Amino acid sequence: MKRISLAALILALSFGCASAQGSCESQALSKSGKPLAGAAKASFVKKCKRDACQTKAVDKNGRRLAGAAKRSFMQKCEREA
């Protein structure tokens, strides 16, 4: 029973991570509801990832990161997003 519970938990977490990675690409729709393509899609996805990471750029005390720490965090976050 423990094995099944552990397997279900791992499976649920892996699906959560996979859906989070594709969320910006799945939101890349035009005003008419058609999927974006080319430069428009690339620009939208880049902005979406930047906005998602911007809210997470805080230190352990809850204050906003600045300077090199923020730049490093944003680069890592955008790569992973």
Protein backbone atom coordinates (compact mmCIF):
# COMPACT_ATOMS: atom_id res chain seq x y z
CA MET A 1 0.00 0.00 0.00
CA LYS A 2 2.89 2.35 0.81
CA ARG A 3 4.41 1.71 -2.62
CA ILE A 4 1.19 2.61 -4.40
CA SER A 5 0.80 5.80 -2.36
CA LEU A 6 4.40 6.80 -3.03
CA ALA A 7 4.06 6.07 -6.75
CA ALA A 8 0.84 8.11 -6.94
CA LEU A 9 2.50 11.04 -5.16
CA ILE A 10 5.53 10.99 -7.48
CA LEU A 11 3.30 10.74 -10.53
CA ALA A 12 1.15 13.67 -9.38
CA LEU A 13 4.21 15.84 -8.76
CA SER A 14 5.71 15.03 -12.16
CA PHE A 15 2.46 15.98 -13.92
CA GLY A 16 2.37 19.24 -11.97
CA CYS A 17 5.88 20.16 -13.10
CA ALA A 18 5.16 19.24 -16.70
CA SER A 19 2.00 21.33 -16.82
CA ALA A 20 3.78 24.32 -15.28
CA GLN A 21 6.46 24.22 -17.97
CA GLY A 22 3.97 24.39 -20.81
CA SER A 23 1.69 26.96 -19.23
CA CYS A 24 3.19 29.97 -21.02
CA GLU A 25 3.09 28.20 -24.36
CA SER A 26 -0.49 27.09 -23.81
CA GLN A 27 -1.50 30.69 -23.05
CA ALA A 28 0.06 31.99 -26.30
CA LEU A 29 -3.18 32.74 -28.13
CA SER A 30 -4.20 35.65 -30.34
CA LYS A 31 -7.26 37.81 -29.63
CA SER A 32 -9.30 35.61 -31.94
CA GLY A 33 -8.26 32.48 -30.01
CA LYS A 34 -5.83 31.08 -32.57
CA PRO A 35 -2.38 29.92 -31.42
CA LEU A 36 0.46 32.40 -31.95
CA ALA A 37 3.40 31.44 -34.14
CA GLY A 38 6.88 32.69 -34.94
CA ALA A 39 8.19 35.90 -33.41
CA ALA A 40 4.88 36.75 -31.76
CA LYS A 41 4.86 33.43 -29.89
CA ALA A 42 8.52 33.75 -28.90
CA SER A 43 7.96 37.26 -27.58
CA PHE A 44 4.84 36.25 -25.65
CA VAL A 45 6.51 33.22 -24.07
CA LYS A 46 9.58 35.26 -23.08
CA LYS A 47 7.41 37.95 -21.45
CA CYS A 48 5.24 35.34 -19.73
CA LYS A 49 8.27 33.59 -18.23
CA ARG A 50 9.78 36.91 -17.13
CA ASP A 51 6.53 37.96 -15.44
CA ALA A 52 6.18 34.59 -13.71
CA CYS A 53 9.73 34.76 -12.37
CA GLN A 54 9.46 38.43 -11.35
CA THR A 55 7.06 37.59 -8.53
CA LYS A 56 9.39 34.87 -7.21
CA ALA A 57 12.50 37.11 -7.06
CA VAL A 58 12.57 37.66 -3.29
CA ASP A 59 15.16 36.83 -0.65
CA LYS A 60 14.58 34.72 2.45
CA ASN A 61 13.34 37.78 4.36
CA GLY A 62 10.68 38.54 1.75
CA ARG A 63 12.43 41.58 0.26
CA ARG A 64 12.88 42.00 -3.49
CA LEU A 65 16.20 40.96 -5.00
CA ALA A 66 18.27 43.61 -6.74
CA GLY A 67 21.39 43.83 -8.90
CA ALA A 68 23.45 40.76 -9.66
CA ALA A 69 21.41 38.52 -7.37
CA LYS A 70 18.21 39.38 -9.22
CA ARG A 71 19.85 38.98 -12.64
CA SER A 72 21.23 35.56 -11.69
CA PHE A 73 17.92 34.42 -10.22
CA MET A 74 15.96 35.62 -13.26
CA GLN A 75 18.27 33.83 -15.71
CA LYS A 76 18.00 30.57 -13.77
CA CYS A 77 14.25 30.88 -13.32
CA GLU A 78 13.58 31.67 -16.99
CA ARG A 79 15.71 28.71 -18.09
CA GLU A 80 13.76 26.36 -15.86
CA ALA A 81 10.31 27.80 -16.61
